[in-house]
Amino acid sequence: MTTKWSLLAYVALIALATGCAGPRYVAASTGSKGQVKFLWTDGSDQGVVKCEVADNGDLNQCRNMNLVLED
């Protein structure tokens, strides 16, 4: 019985730590002039994250961009 409760507590902790959200995958990326953009998807939602690229290759000032997709 103790193992069952420990497992349940572990699963609950993981759910709280991830915000009950599934993983996001990078579907495409593009970069130019010191910036890079990533198109991510989690299967039902998608969005674009834009980052500045530092001289050493680090990504800085990453932010979500507003995205409107039309058919």
Protein backbone atom coordinates (compact mmCIF):
# COMPACT_ATOMS: atom_id res chain seq x y z
CA MET A 1 0.00 0.00 0.00
CA THR A 2 2.87 2.38 0.76
CA THR A 3 4.36 1.88 -2.70
CA LYS A 4 1.03 2.74 -4.29
CA TRP A 5 0.81 6.04 -2.38
CA SER A 6 4.44 6.87 -3.12
CA LEU A 7 3.86 6.30 -6.82
CA LEU A 8 0.70 8.41 -6.76
CA ALA A 9 2.53 11.24 -4.95
CA TYR A 10 5.38 11.04 -7.50
CA VAL A 11 2.96 11.26 -10.45
CA ALA A 12 1.17 14.21 -8.82
CA LEU A 13 4.50 15.98 -8.26
CA ILE A 14 5.47 15.52 -11.91
CA ALA A 15 2.08 16.85 -13.03
CA LEU A 16 2.46 19.93 -10.84
CA ALA A 17 6.04 20.53 -11.98
CA THR A 18 5.09 20.44 -15.67
CA GLY A 19 1.84 22.32 -15.27
CA CYS A 20 0.01 19.30 -16.70
CA ALA A 21 1.27 20.34 -20.13
CA GLY A 22 2.62 17.97 -22.68
CA PRO A 23 5.98 18.38 -24.38
CA ARG A 24 6.55 20.99 -27.07
CA TYR A 25 8.51 20.12 -30.17
CA VAL A 26 10.31 22.45 -32.58
CA ALA A 27 8.69 21.95 -35.97
CA ALA A 28 10.87 24.48 -37.83
CA SER A 29 13.45 27.16 -37.20
CA THR A 30 14.94 30.05 -39.10
CA GLY A 31 17.63 32.58 -38.33
CA SER A 32 19.22 35.70 -39.74
CA LYS A 33 21.05 38.85 -38.61
CA GLY A 34 21.52 37.85 -34.97
CA GLN A 35 18.06 36.41 -34.35
CA VAL A 36 16.41 33.01 -34.54
CA LYS A 37 12.75 31.96 -34.59
CA PHE A 38 11.36 28.58 -33.60
CA LEU A 39 7.94 27.24 -34.62
CA TRP A 40 6.84 24.90 -31.81
CA THR A 41 3.91 22.54 -31.56
CA ASP A 42 2.47 20.32 -28.85
CA GLY A 43 0.06 18.50 -31.14
CA SER A 44 -2.92 20.81 -30.70
CA ASP A 45 -1.37 24.27 -30.30
CA GLN A 46 1.50 25.96 -32.03
CA GLY A 47 3.41 29.20 -31.70
CA VAL A 48 6.58 31.07 -32.54
CA VAL A 49 9.38 31.99 -30.14
CA LYS A 50 11.84 34.70 -31.24
CA CYS A 51 15.31 34.97 -29.64
CA GLU A 52 18.30 37.24 -30.07
CA VAL A 53 21.60 35.43 -30.68
CA ALA A 54 24.63 36.72 -28.74
CA ASP A 55 28.13 36.77 -30.24
CA ASN A 56 29.00 33.57 -28.35
CA GLY A 57 25.88 31.76 -29.68
CA ASP A 58 23.75 32.05 -26.53
CA LEU A 59 20.05 32.81 -26.98
CA ASN A 60 18.86 35.95 -25.16
CA GLN A 61 15.60 37.86 -24.82
CA CYS A 62 13.42 34.96 -25.98
CA ARG A 63 9.73 35.83 -26.22
CA ASN A 64 6.53 34.45 -27.68
CA MET A 65 5.34 36.18 -30.83
CA ASN A 66 1.69 36.71 -31.62
CA LEU A 67 0.73 34.30 -34.36
CA VAL A 68 -2.41 34.24 -36.48
CA LEU A 69 -2.69 31.39 -38.96
CA GLU A 70 -5.22 31.65 -41.75
CA ASP A 71 -6.36 29.06 -44.29
